Amino acid sequence: MHLELTPEALLKQLGYSVTEQTLKQINRILDNTDGLDKFLPHLPSFADALAIEKGYIAMSNSEDYLKIKCDADTNAANLTAFTELVNHWADKYKLSLKKVDNKNTYYIIGHK
């Protein structure tokens, strides 16, 4: 089965309301992130895997990228598992990530 996420469906998958503002933001992210369309079909299963480690995917407020984030109140085991999971998915789907200094946050920059 091939899953194609429209901007509206992607917003809903990420837990956002579909508004003019969120549509503009997600379209900027899609335009800014090289090759993201190759990864989008896998986004729901990645989000489900992240949730186990208290992680999630969201739109960044400061840059036009999707971000992968882990809540700060998690324990060391969660953070290790979260980091390993992010690295595994990045390698598997050839994602280029940018880690935010001193945070458990990564931007999805594009496809390698």
PDB file of N, CA and C in Angstrom:
ATOM      1  N   MET A   1       0.844  -1.176   0.000  1.00  0.00           N
ATOM      2  CA  MET A   1       0.000   0.000   0.000  1.00  0.00           C
ATOM      3  C   MET A   1       0.893   1.245   0.000  1.00  0.00           C
ATOM      4  N   HIS A   2       0.582   2.177  -0.875  1.00  0.00           N
ATOM      5  CA  HIS A   2       1.334   3.428  -0.946  1.00  0.00           C
ATOM      6  C   HIS A   2       0.489   4.525  -0.291  1.00  0.00           C
ATOM      7  N   LEU A   3       1.070   5.189   0.675  1.00  0.00           N
ATOM      8  CA  LEU A   3       0.376   6.242   1.403  1.00  0.00           C
ATOM      9  C   LEU A   3       0.920   7.584   0.961  1.00  0.00           C
ATOM     10  N   GLU A   4       0.055   8.436   0.433  1.00  0.00           N
ATOM     11  CA  GLU A   4       0.476   9.769   0.043  1.00  0.00           C
ATOM     12  C   GLU A   4      -0.163  10.772   0.987  1.00  0.00           C
ATOM     13  N   LEU A   5       0.670  11.527   1.661  1.00  0.00           N
ATOM     14  CA  LEU A   5       0.169  12.506   2.613  1.00  0.00           C
ATOM     15  C   LEU A   5       0.082  13.875   1.947  1.00  0.00           C
ATOM     16  N   THR A   6      -1.120  14.391   1.839  1.00  0.00           N
ATOM     17  CA  THR A   6      -1.317  15.756   1.369  1.00  0.00           C
ATOM     18  C   THR A   6      -0.917  16.697   2.505  1.00  0.00           C
ATOM     19  N   PRO A   7      -0.707  17.970   2.212  1.00  0.00           N
ATOM     20  CA  PRO A   7      -0.401  18.895   3.318  1.00  0.00           C
ATOM     21  C   PRO A   7      -1.460  18.860   4.419  1.00  0.00           C
ATOM     22  N   GLU A   8      -2.721  18.766   4.041  1.00  0.00           N
ATOM     23  CA  GLU A   8      -3.797  18.707   5.037  1.00  0.00           C
ATOM     24  C   GLU A   8      -3.710  17.437   5.880  1.00  0.00           C
ATOM     25  N   ALA A   9      -3.475  16.306   5.208  1.00  0.00           N
ATOM     26  CA  ALA A   9      -3.369  15.028   5.922  1.00  0.00           C
ATOM     27  C   ALA A   9      -2.131  15.015   6.824  1.00  0.00           C
ATOM     28  N   LEU A  10      -1.053  15.607   6.342  1.00  0.00           N
ATOM     29  CA  LEU A  10       0.166  15.680   7.146  1.00  0.00           C
ATOM     30  C   LEU A  10      -0.066  16.499   8.413  1.00  0.00           C
ATOM     31  N   LEU A  11      -0.749  17.625   8.272  1.00  0.00           N
ATOM     32  CA  LEU A  11      -1.067  18.443   9.452  1.00  0.00           C
ATOM     33  C   LEU A  11      -1.872  17.631  10.467  1.00  0.00           C
ATOM     34  N   LYS A  12      -2.877  16.920   9.980  1.00  0.00           N
ATOM     35  CA  LYS A  12      -3.712  16.111  10.879  1.00  0.00           C
ATOM     36  C   LYS A  12      -2.890  14.998  11.530  1.00  0.00           C
ATOM     37  N   GLN A  13      -2.010  14.371  10.748  1.00  0.00           N
ATOM     38  CA  GLN A  13      -1.148  13.312  11.283  1.00  0.00           C
ATOM     39  C   GLN A  13      -0.263  13.841  12.415  1.00  0.00           C
ATOM     40  N   LEU A  14       0.179  15.085  12.267  1.00  0.00           N
ATOM     41  CA  LEU A  14       1.046  15.690  13.283  1.00  0.00           C
ATOM     42  C   LEU A  14       0.264  16.305  14.436  1.00  0.00           C
ATOM     43  N   GLY A  15      -1.069  16.291  14.351  1.00  0.00           N
ATOM     44  CA  GLY A  15      -1.897  16.786  15.446  1.00  0.00           C
ATOM     45  C   GLY A  15      -2.247  18.257  15.364  1.00  0.00           C
ATOM     46  N   TYR A  16      -2.087  18.859  14.190  1.00  0.00           N
ATOM     47  CA  TYR A  16      -2.401  20.274  14.002  1.00  0.00           C
ATOM     48  C   TYR A  16      -3.775  20.442  13.375  1.00  0.00           C
ATOM     49  N   SER A  17      -4.404  21.564  13.665  1.00  0.00           N
ATOM     50  CA  SER A  17      -5.633  21.944  12.981  1.00  0.00           C
ATOM     51  C   SER A  17      -5.257  22.469  11.600  1.00  0.00           C
ATOM     52  N   VAL A  18      -6.124  22.233  10.635  1.00  0.00           N
ATOM     53  CA  VAL A  18      -5.888  22.730   9.284  1.00  0.00           C
ATOM     54  C   VAL A  18      -6.449  24.141   9.202  1.00  0.00           C
ATOM     55  N   THR A  19      -5.552  25.113   9.181  1.00  0.00           N
ATOM     56  CA  THR A  19      -5.925  26.514   9.046  1.00  0.00           C
ATOM     57  C   THR A  19      -5.090  27.115   7.918  1.00  0.00           C
ATOM     58  N   GLU A  20      -5.416  28.311   7.530  1.00  0.00           N
ATOM     59  CA  GLU A  20      -4.629  28.978   6.494  1.00  0.00           C
ATOM     60  C   GLU A  20      -3.166  29.109   6.934  1.00  0.00           C
ATOM     61  N   GLN A  21      -2.962  29.467   8.195  1.00  0.00           N
ATOM     62  CA  GLN A  21      -1.606  29.645   8.727  1.00  0.00           C
ATOM     63  C   GLN A  21      -0.824  28.330   8.763  1.00  0.00           C
ATOM     64  N   THR A  22      -1.438  27.252   9.264  1.00  0.00           N
ATOM     65  CA  THR A  22      -0.713  25.983   9.336  1.00  0.00           C
ATOM     66  C   THR A  22      -0.458  25.413   7.944  1.00  0.00           C
ATOM     67  N   LEU A  23      -1.396  25.626   7.019  1.00  0.00           N
ATOM     68  CA  LEU A  23      -1.175  25.177   5.641  1.00  0.00           C
ATOM     69  C   LEU A  23      -0.003  25.912   5.005  1.00  0.00           C
ATOM     70  N   LYS A  24       0.088  27.217   5.233  1.00  0.00           N
ATOM     71  CA  LYS A  24       1.217  27.982   4.698  1.00  0.00           C
ATOM     72  C   LYS A  24       2.523  27.462   5.290  1.00  0.00           C
ATOM     73  N   GLN A  25       2.529  27.210   6.601  1.00  0.00           N
ATOM     74  CA  GLN A  25       3.740  26.742   7.262  1.00  0.00           C
ATOM     75  C   GLN A  25       4.155  25.360   6.753  1.00  0.00           C
ATOM     76  N   ILE A  26       3.223  24.424   6.647  1.00  0.00           N
ATOM     77  CA  ILE A  26       3.592  23.075   6.198  1.00  0.00           C
ATOM     78  C   ILE A  26       4.041  23.098   4.745  1.00  0.00           C
ATOM     79  N   ASN A  27       3.451  23.955   3.931  1.00  0.00           N
ATOM     80  CA  ASN A  27       3.890  24.058   2.538  1.00  0.00           C
ATOM     81  C   ASN A  27       5.300  24.650   2.442  1.00  0.00           C
ATOM     82  N   ARG A  28       5.627  25.608   3.317  1.00  0.00           N
ATOM     83  CA  ARG A  28       6.998  26.140   3.359  1.00  0.00           C
ATOM     84  C   ARG A  28       7.980  25.040   3.757  1.00  0.00           C
ATOM     85  N   ILE A  29       7.589  24.233   4.721  1.00  0.00           N
ATOM     86  CA  ILE A  29       8.430  23.125   5.178  1.00  0.00           C
ATOM     87  C   ILE A  29       8.637  22.126   4.044  1.00  0.00           C
ATOM     88  N   LEU A  30       7.571  21.774   3.357  1.00  0.00           N
ATOM     89  CA  LEU A  30       7.671  20.817   2.258  1.00  0.00           C
ATOM     90  C   LEU A  30       8.548  21.368   1.138  1.00  0.00           C
ATOM     91  N   ASP A  31       8.419  22.640   0.835  1.00  0.00           N
ATOM     92  CA  ASP A  31       9.239  23.274  -0.205  1.00  0.00           C
ATOM     93  C   ASP A  31      10.707  23.382   0.217  1.00  0.00           C
ATOM     94  N   ASN A  32      10.946  23.552   1.510  1.00  0.00           N
ATOM     95  CA  ASN A  32      12.285  23.788   2.036  1.00  0.00           C
ATOM     96  C   ASN A  32      13.075  22.503   2.287  1.00  0.00           C
ATOM     97  N   THR A  33      12.409  21.379   2.410  1.00  0.00           N
ATOM     98  CA  THR A  33      13.047  20.134   2.806  1.00  0.00           C
ATOM     99  C   THR A  33      13.210  19.220   1.591  1.00  0.00           C
ATOM    100  N   ASP A  34      14.431  19.156   1.069  1.00  0.00           N
ATOM    101  CA  ASP A  34      14.717  18.359  -0.126  1.00  0.00           C
ATOM    102  C   ASP A  34      14.411  16.884   0.093  1.00  0.00           C
ATOM    103  N   GLY A  35      13.605  16.306  -0.789  1.00  0.00           N
ATOM    104  CA  GLY A  35      13.338  14.885  -0.771  1.00  0.00           C
ATOM    105  C   GLY A  35      12.440  14.396   0.342  1.00  0.00           C
ATOM    106  N   LEU A  36      11.794  15.303   1.061  1.00  0.00           N
ATOM    107  CA  LEU A  36      10.936  14.882   2.175  1.00  0.00           C
ATOM    108  C   LEU A  36       9.801  13.981   1.692  1.00  0.00           C
ATOM    109  N   ASP A  37       9.351  14.192   0.458  1.00  0.00           N
ATOM    110  CA  ASP A  37       8.261  13.381  -0.094  1.00  0.00           C
ATOM    111  C   ASP A  37       8.600  11.890  -0.092  1.00  0.00           C
ATOM    112  N   LYS A  38       9.892  11.538  -0.159  1.00  0.00           N
ATOM    113  CA  LYS A  38      10.303  10.132  -0.136  1.00  0.00           C
ATOM    114  C   LYS A  38      10.103   9.519   1.246  1.00  0.00           C
ATOM    115  N   PHE A  39      10.122  10.349   2.274  1.00  0.00           N
ATOM    116  CA  PHE A  39       9.988   9.863   3.643  1.00  0.00           C
ATOM    117  C   PHE A  39       8.559   9.940   4.172  1.00  0.00           C
ATOM    118  N   LEU A  40       7.744  10.830   3.612  1.00  0.00           N
ATOM    119  CA  LEU A  40       6.404  11.066   4.154  1.00  0.00           C
ATOM    120  C   LEU A  40       5.560   9.802   4.330  1.00  0.00           C
ATOM    121  N   PRO A  41       5.615   8.832   3.427  1.00  0.00           N
ATOM    122  CA  PRO A  41       4.810   7.626   3.654  1.00  0.00           C
ATOM    123  C   PRO A  41       5.181   6.876   4.935  1.00  0.00           C
ATOM    124  N   HIS A  42       6.393   7.091   5.431  1.00  0.00           N
ATOM    125  CA  HIS A  42       6.864   6.393   6.629  1.00  0.00           C
ATOM    126  C   HIS A  42       6.666   7.214   7.903  1.00  0.00           C
ATOM    127  N   LEU A  43       6.218   8.438   7.744  1.00  0.00           N
ATOM    128  CA  LEU A  43       6.059   9.344   8.881  1.00  0.00           C
ATOM    129  C   LEU A  43       5.123   8.801   9.966  1.00  0.00           C
ATOM    130  N   PRO A  44       3.962   8.246   9.617  1.00  0.00           N
ATOM    131  CA  PRO A  44       3.079   7.738  10.685  1.00  0.00           C
ATOM    132  C   PRO A  44       3.727   6.646  11.544  1.00  0.00           C
ATOM    133  N   SER A  45       4.419   5.698  10.907  1.00  0.00           N
ATOM    134  CA  SER A  45       5.034   4.631  11.707  1.00  0.00           C
ATOM    135  C   SER A  45       6.220   5.164  12.521  1.00  0.00           C
ATOM    136  N   PHE A  46       6.944   6.142  11.987  1.00  0.00           N
ATOM    137  CA  PHE A  46       8.033   6.767  12.747  1.00  0.00           C
ATOM    138  C   PHE A  46       7.462   7.501  13.958  1.00  0.00           C
ATOM    139  N   ALA A  47       6.385   8.237  13.759  1.00  0.00           N
ATOM    140  CA  ALA A  47       5.752   8.963  14.872  1.00  0.00           C
ATOM    141  C   ALA A  47       5.287   7.991  15.955  1.00  0.00           C
ATOM    142  N   ASP A  48       4.732   6.855  15.547  1.00  0.00           N
ATOM    143  CA  ASP A  48       4.292   5.846  16.519  1.00  0.00           C
ATOM    144  C   ASP A  48       5.483   5.289  17.307  1.00  0.00           C
ATOM    145  N   ALA A  49       6.590   5.035  16.614  1.00  0.00           N
ATOM    146  CA  ALA A  49       7.784   4.516  17.285  1.00  0.00           C
ATOM    147  C   ALA A  49       8.355   5.553  18.254  1.00  0.00           C
ATOM    148  N   LEU A  50       8.348   6.812  17.855  1.00  0.00           N
ATOM    149  CA  LEU A  50       8.852   7.878  18.736  1.00  0.00           C
ATOM    150  C   LEU A  50       8.010   8.029  19.994  1.00  0.00           C
ATOM    151  N   ALA A  51       6.700   7.862  19.861  1.00  0.00           N
ATOM    152  CA  ALA A  51       5.792   8.053  20.994  1.00  0.00           C
ATOM    153  C   ALA A  51       6.124   7.113  22.149  1.00  0.00           C
ATOM    154  N   ILE A  52       6.631   5.936  21.837  1.00  0.00           N
ATOM    155  CA  ILE A  52       7.002   4.974  22.881  1.00  0.00           C
ATOM    156  C   ILE A  52       8.105   5.553  23.771  1.00  0.00           C
ATOM    157  N   GLU A  53       8.980   6.360  23.178  1.00  0.00           N
ATOM    158  CA  GLU A  53      10.087   6.966  23.927  1.00  0.00           C
ATOM    159  C   GLU A  53       9.801   8.424  24.284  1.00  0.00           C
ATOM    160  N   LYS A  54       8.526   8.796  24.288  1.00  0.00           N
ATOM    161  CA  LYS A  54       8.081  10.154  24.610  1.00  0.00           C
ATOM    162  C   LYS A  54       8.613  11.192  23.620  1.00  0.00           C
ATOM    163  N   GLY A  55       8.770  10.761  22.381  1.00  0.00           N
ATOM    164  CA  GLY A  55       9.203  11.646  21.317  1.00  0.00           C
ATOM    165  C   GLY A  55       8.059  11.932  20.362  1.00  0.00           C
ATOM    166  N   TYR A  56       8.244  12.933  19.529  1.00  0.00           N
ATOM    167  CA  TYR A  56       7.219  13.292  18.563  1.00  0.00           C
ATOM    168  C   TYR A  56       7.813  14.098  17.417  1.00  0.00           C
ATOM    169  N   ILE A  57       7.033  14.254  16.371  1.00  0.00           N
ATOM    170  CA  ILE A  57       7.408  15.060  15.213  1.00  0.00           C
ATOM    171  C   ILE A  57       6.479  16.259  15.193  1.00  0.00           C
ATOM    172  N   ALA A  58       7.055  17.433  14.952  1.00  0.00           N
ATOM    173  CA  ALA A  58       6.264  18.667  14.945  1.00  0.00           C
ATOM    174  C   ALA A  58       6.847  19.638  13.929  1.00  0.00           C
ATOM    175  N   MET A  59       6.107  20.702  13.679  1.00  0.00           N
ATOM    176  CA  MET A  59       6.630  21.779  12.849  1.00  0.00           C
ATOM    177  C   MET A  59       7.442  22.701  13.750  1.00  0.00           C
ATOM    178  N   SER A  60       8.590  23.112  13.253  1.00  0.00           N
ATOM    179  CA  SER A  60       9.418  24.042  14.015  1.00  0.00           C
ATOM    180  C   SER A  60       8.820  25.443  13.940  1.00  0.00           C
ATOM    181  N   ASN A  61       8.891  26.161  15.034  1.00  0.00           N
ATOM    182  CA  ASN A  61       8.436  27.553  15.051  1.00  0.00           C
ATOM    183  C   ASN A  61       9.523  28.508  14.585  1.00  0.00           C
ATOM    184  N   SER A  62      10.780  28.061  14.624  1.00  0.00           N
ATOM    185  CA  SER A  62      11.884  28.962  14.307  1.00  0.00           C
ATOM    186  C   SER A  62      12.500  28.729  12.927  1.00  0.00           C
ATOM    187  N   GLU A  63      12.332  27.530  12.364  1.00  0.00           N
ATOM    188  CA  GLU A  63      12.888  27.215  11.053  1.00  0.00           C
ATOM    189  C   GLU A  63      11.847  26.446  10.249  1.00  0.00           C
ATOM    190  N   ASP A  64      11.953  26.522   8.932  1.00  0.00           N
ATOM    191  CA  ASP A  64      10.983  25.836   8.078  1.00  0.00           C
ATOM    192  C   ASP A  64      11.374  24.380   7.854  1.00  0.00           C
ATOM    193  N   TYR A  65      11.339  23.615   8.945  1.00  0.00           N
ATOM    194  CA  TYR A  65      11.622  22.186   8.924  1.00  0.00           C
ATOM    195  C   TYR A  65      10.689  21.482   9.893  1.00  0.00           C
ATOM    196  N   LEU A  66      10.532  20.177   9.673  1.00  0.00           N
ATOM    197  CA  LEU A  66       9.913  19.345  10.693  1.00  0.00           C
ATOM    198  C   LEU A  66      10.990  19.068  11.733  1.00  0.00           C
ATOM    199  N   LYS A  67      10.573  18.957  12.969  1.00  0.00           N
ATOM    200  CA  LYS A  67      11.534  18.624  14.021  1.00  0.00           C
ATOM    201  C   LYS A  67      11.108  17.337  14.704  1.00  0.00           C
ATOM    202  N   ILE A  68      12.102  16.633  15.185  1.00  0.00           N
ATOM    203  CA  ILE A  68      11.919  15.418  15.975  1.00  0.00           C
ATOM    204  C   ILE A  68      12.371  15.800  17.371  1.00  0.00           C
ATOM    205  N   LYS A  69      11.497  15.618  18.338  1.00  0.00           N
ATOM    206  CA  LYS A  69      11.804  16.119  19.679  1.00  0.00           C
ATOM    207  C   LYS A  69      11.422  15.092  20.738  1.00  0.00           C
ATOM    208  N   CYS A  70      12.193  15.101  21.817  1.00  0.00           N
ATOM    209  CA  CYS A  70      11.901  14.268  22.977  1.00  0.00           C
ATOM    210  C   CYS A  70      11.697  15.200  24.160  1.00  0.00           C
ATOM    211  N   ASP A  71      10.658  14.956  24.925  1.00  0.00           N
ATOM    212  CA  ASP A  71      10.381  15.814  26.076  1.00  0.00           C
ATOM    213  C   ASP A  71      11.533  15.789  27.064  1.00  0.00           C
ATOM    214  N   ALA A  72      11.837  16.945  27.625  1.00  0.00           N
ATOM    215  CA  ALA A  72      13.002  17.120  28.503  1.00  0.00           C
ATOM    216  C   ALA A  72      12.896  16.339  29.807  1.00  0.00           C
ATOM    217  N   ASP A  73      11.702  15.971  30.236  1.00  0.00           N
ATOM    218  CA  ASP A  73      11.563  15.315  31.534  1.00  0.00           C
ATOM    219  C   ASP A  73      11.733  13.796  31.467  1.00  0.00           C
ATOM    220  N   THR A  74      12.228  13.291  30.360  1.00  0.00           N
ATOM    221  CA  THR A  74      12.416  11.850  30.254  1.00  0.00           C
ATOM    222  C   THR A  74      13.720  11.434  30.931  1.00  0.00           C
ATOM    223  N   ASN A  75      13.815  10.158  31.265  1.00  0.00           N
ATOM    224  CA  ASN A  75      15.018   9.663  31.943  1.00  0.00           C
ATOM    225  C   ASN A  75      16.105   9.299  30.927  1.00  0.00           C
ATOM    226  N   ALA A  76      17.272   8.965  31.426  1.00  0.00           N
ATOM    227  CA  ALA A  76      18.422   8.673  30.566  1.00  0.00           C
ATOM    228  C   ALA A  76      18.160   7.497  29.634  1.00  0.00           C
ATOM    229  N   ALA A  77      17.462   6.476  30.125  1.00  0.00           N
ATOM    230  CA  ALA A  77      17.156   5.319  29.275  1.00  0.00           C
ATOM    231  C   ALA A  77      16.270   5.733  28.109  1.00  0.00           C
ATOM    232  N   ASN A  78      15.277   6.583  28.376  1.00  0.00           N
ATOM    233  CA  ASN A  78      14.412   7.077  27.305  1.00  0.00           C
ATOM    234  C   ASN A  78      15.212   7.883  26.287  1.00  0.00           C
ATOM    235  N   LEU A  79      16.085   8.749  26.779  1.00  0.00           N
ATOM    236  CA  LEU A  79      16.872   9.588  25.868  1.00  0.00           C
ATOM    237  C   LEU A  79      17.799   8.757  25.004  1.00  0.00           C
ATOM    238  N   THR A  80      18.410   7.724  25.588  1.00  0.00           N
ATOM    239  CA  THR A  80      19.280   6.841  24.819  1.00  0.00           C
ATOM    240  C   THR A  80      18.472   6.105  23.762  1.00  0.00           C
ATOM    241  N   ALA A  81      17.334   5.560  24.152  1.00  0.00           N
ATOM    242  CA  ALA A  81      16.479   4.846  23.204  1.00  0.00           C
ATOM    243  C   ALA A  81      15.954   5.789  22.122  1.00  0.00           C
ATOM    244  N   PHE A  82      15.595   6.999  22.519  1.00  0.00           N
ATOM    245  CA  PHE A  82      15.126   8.008  21.565  1.00  0.00           C
ATOM    246  C   PHE A  82      16.216   8.320  20.544  1.00  0.00           C
ATOM    247  N   THR A  83      17.429   8.581  21.008  1.00  0.00           N
ATOM    248  CA  THR A  83      18.544   8.914  20.125  1.00  0.00           C
ATOM    249  C   THR A  83      18.854   7.765  19.177  1.00  0.00           C
ATOM    250  N   GLU A  84      18.867   6.546  19.702  1.00  0.00           N
ATOM    251  CA  GLU A  84      19.111   5.372  18.860  1.00  0.00           C
ATOM    252  C   GLU A  84      18.021   5.216  17.806  1.00  0.00           C
ATOM    253  N   LEU A  85      16.792   5.450  18.186  1.00  0.00           N
ATOM    254  CA  LEU A  85      15.674   5.348  17.253  1.00  0.00           C
ATOM    255  C   LEU A  85      15.783   6.396  16.149  1.00  0.00           C
ATOM    256  N   VAL A  86      16.079   7.627  16.513  1.00  0.00           N
ATOM    257  CA  VAL A  86      16.234   8.699  15.527  1.00  0.00           C
ATOM    258  C   VAL A  86      17.361   8.355  14.562  1.00  0.00           C
ATOM    259  N   ASN A  87      18.503   7.918  15.096  1.00  0.00           N
ATOM    260  CA  ASN A  87      19.642   7.569  14.245  1.00  0.00           C
ATOM    261  C   ASN A  87      19.323   6.390  13.319  1.00  0.00           C
ATOM    262  N   HIS A  88      18.603   5.399  13.844  1.00  0.00           N
ATOM    263  CA  HIS A  88      18.218   4.239  13.038  1.00  0.00           C
ATOM    264  C   HIS A  88      17.337   4.671  11.860  1.00  0.00           C
ATOM    265  N   TRP A  89      16.321   5.481  12.135  1.00  0.00           N
ATOM    266  CA  TRP A  89      15.428   5.922  11.066  1.00  0.00           C
ATOM    267  C   TRP A  89      16.152   6.834  10.080  1.00  0.00           C
ATOM    268  N   ALA A  90      17.033   7.672  10.567  1.00  0.00           N
ATOM    269  CA  ALA A  90      17.796   8.558   9.676  1.00  0.00           C
ATOM    270  C   ALA A  90      18.662   7.728   8.730  1.00  0.00           C
ATOM    271  N   ASP A  91      19.301   6.694   9.256  1.00  0.00           N
ATOM    272  CA  ASP A  91      20.122   5.821   8.410  1.00  0.00           C
ATOM    273  C   ASP A  91      19.259   5.022   7.438  1.00  0.00           C
ATOM    274  N   LYS A  92      18.187   4.445   7.946  1.00  0.00           N
ATOM    275  CA  LYS A  92      17.326   3.589   7.132  1.00  0.00           C
ATOM    276  C   LYS A  92      16.709   4.348   5.959  1.00  0.00           C
ATOM    277  N   TYR A  93      16.260   5.570   6.210  1.00  0.00           N
ATOM    278  CA  TYR A  93      15.569   6.331   5.172  1.00  0.00           C
ATOM    279  C   TYR A  93      16.423   7.462   4.602  1.00  0.00           C
ATOM    280  N   LYS A  94      17.725   7.421   4.921  1.00  0.00           N
ATOM    281  CA  LYS A  94      18.693   8.380   4.375  1.00  0.00           C
ATOM    282  C   LYS A  94      18.264   9.829   4.593  1.00  0.00           C
ATOM    283  N   LEU A  95      17.945  10.131   5.864  1.00  0.00           N
ATOM    284  CA  LEU A  95      17.548  11.486   6.233  1.00  0.00           C
ATOM    285  C   LEU A  95      18.756  12.280   6.699  1.00  0.00           C
ATOM    286  N   SER A  96      18.822  13.501   6.273  1.00  0.00           N
ATOM    287  CA  SER A  96      19.838  14.421   6.757  1.00  0.00           C
ATOM    288  C   SER A  96      19.222  15.197   7.920  1.00  0.00           C
ATOM    289  N   LEU A  97      19.839  15.078   9.086  1.00  0.00           N
ATOM    290  CA  LEU A  97      19.322  15.724  10.293  1.00  0.00           C
ATOM    291  C   LEU A  97      20.295  16.779  10.799  1.00  0.00           C
ATOM    292  N   LYS A  98      19.748  17.751  11.513  1.00  0.00           N
ATOM    293  CA  LYS A  98      20.565  18.763  12.186  1.00  0.00           C
ATOM    294  C   LYS A  98      20.154  18.745  13.654  1.00  0.00           C
ATOM    295  N   LYS A  99      21.109  18.412  14.541  1.00  0.00           N
ATOM    296  CA  LYS A  99      20.810  18.380  15.975  1.00  0.00           C
ATOM    297  C   LYS A  99      20.892  19.788  16.544  1.00  0.00           C
ATOM    298  N   VAL A 100      19.939  20.126  17.371  1.00  0.00           N
ATOM    299  CA  VAL A 100      19.934  21.412  18.061  1.00  0.00           C
ATOM    300  C   VAL A 100      20.820  21.268  19.294  1.00  0.00           C
ATOM    301  N   ASP A 101      21.774  22.178  19.447  1.00  0.00           N
ATOM    302  CA  ASP A 101      22.705  22.127  20.572  1.00  0.00           C
ATOM    303  C   ASP A 101      21.973  22.123  21.914  1.00  0.00           C
ATOM    304  N   ASN A 102      22.413  21.237  22.809  1.00  0.00           N
ATOM    305  CA  ASN A 102      21.917  21.143  24.187  1.00  0.00           C
ATOM    306  C   ASN A 102      20.426  20.849  24.299  1.00  0.00           C
ATOM    307  N   LYS A 103      19.843  20.267  23.255  1.00  0.00           N
ATOM    308  CA  LYS A 103      18.426  19.886  23.289  1.00  0.00           C
ATOM    309  C   LYS A 103      18.264  18.517  22.666  1.00  0.00           C
ATOM    310  N   ASN A 104      17.170  17.866  23.002  1.00  0.00           N
ATOM    311  CA  ASN A 104      16.838  16.568  22.421  1.00  0.00           C
ATOM    312  C   ASN A 104      15.945  16.798  21.203  1.00  0.00           C
ATOM    313  N   THR A 105      16.472  17.589  20.272  1.00  0.00           N
ATOM    314  CA  THR A 105      15.711  18.007  19.102  1.00  0.00           C
ATOM    315  C   THR A 105      16.572  17.896  17.860  1.00  0.00           C
ATOM    316  N   TYR A 106      15.956  17.407  16.779  1.00  0.00           N
ATOM    317  CA  TYR A 106      16.611  17.291  15.487  1.00  0.00           C
ATOM    318  C   TYR A 106      15.695  17.885  14.426  1.00  0.00           C
ATOM    319  N   TYR A 107      16.280  18.612  13.488  1.00  0.00           N
ATOM    320  CA  TYR A 107      15.523  19.077  12.327  1.00  0.00           C
ATOM    321  C   TYR A 107      15.739  18.103  11.187  1.00  0.00           C
ATOM    322  N   ILE A 108      14.666  17.803  10.465  1.00  0.00           N
ATOM    323  CA  ILE A 108      14.787  16.979   9.260  1.00  0.00           C
ATOM    324  C   ILE A 108      15.122  17.935   8.132  1.00  0.00           C
ATOM    325  N   ILE A 109      16.384  17.953   7.720  1.00  0.00           N
ATOM    326  CA  ILE A 109      16.884  18.882   6.717  1.00  0.00           C
ATOM    327  C   ILE A 109      16.534  18.404   5.307  1.00  0.00           C
ATOM    328  N   GLY A 110      16.541  17.108   5.092  1.00  0.00           N
ATOM    329  CA  GLY A 110      16.211  16.579   3.770  1.00  0.00           C
ATOM    330  C   GLY A 110      16.665  15.146   3.612  1.00  0.00           C
ATOM    331  N   HIS A 111      16.654  14.708   2.382  1.00  0.00           N
ATOM    332  CA  HIS A 111      17.051  13.364   2.015  1.00  0.00           C
ATOM    333  C   HIS A 111      18.505  13.404   1.564  1.00  0.00           C
ATOM    334  N   LYS A 112      19.318  12.461   2.024  1.00  0.00           N
ATOM    335  CA  LYS A 112      20.745  12.443   1.653  1.00  0.00           C
ATOM    336  C   LYS A 112      20.907  12.059   0.206  1.00  0.00           C
TER     337      LYS A 112
END
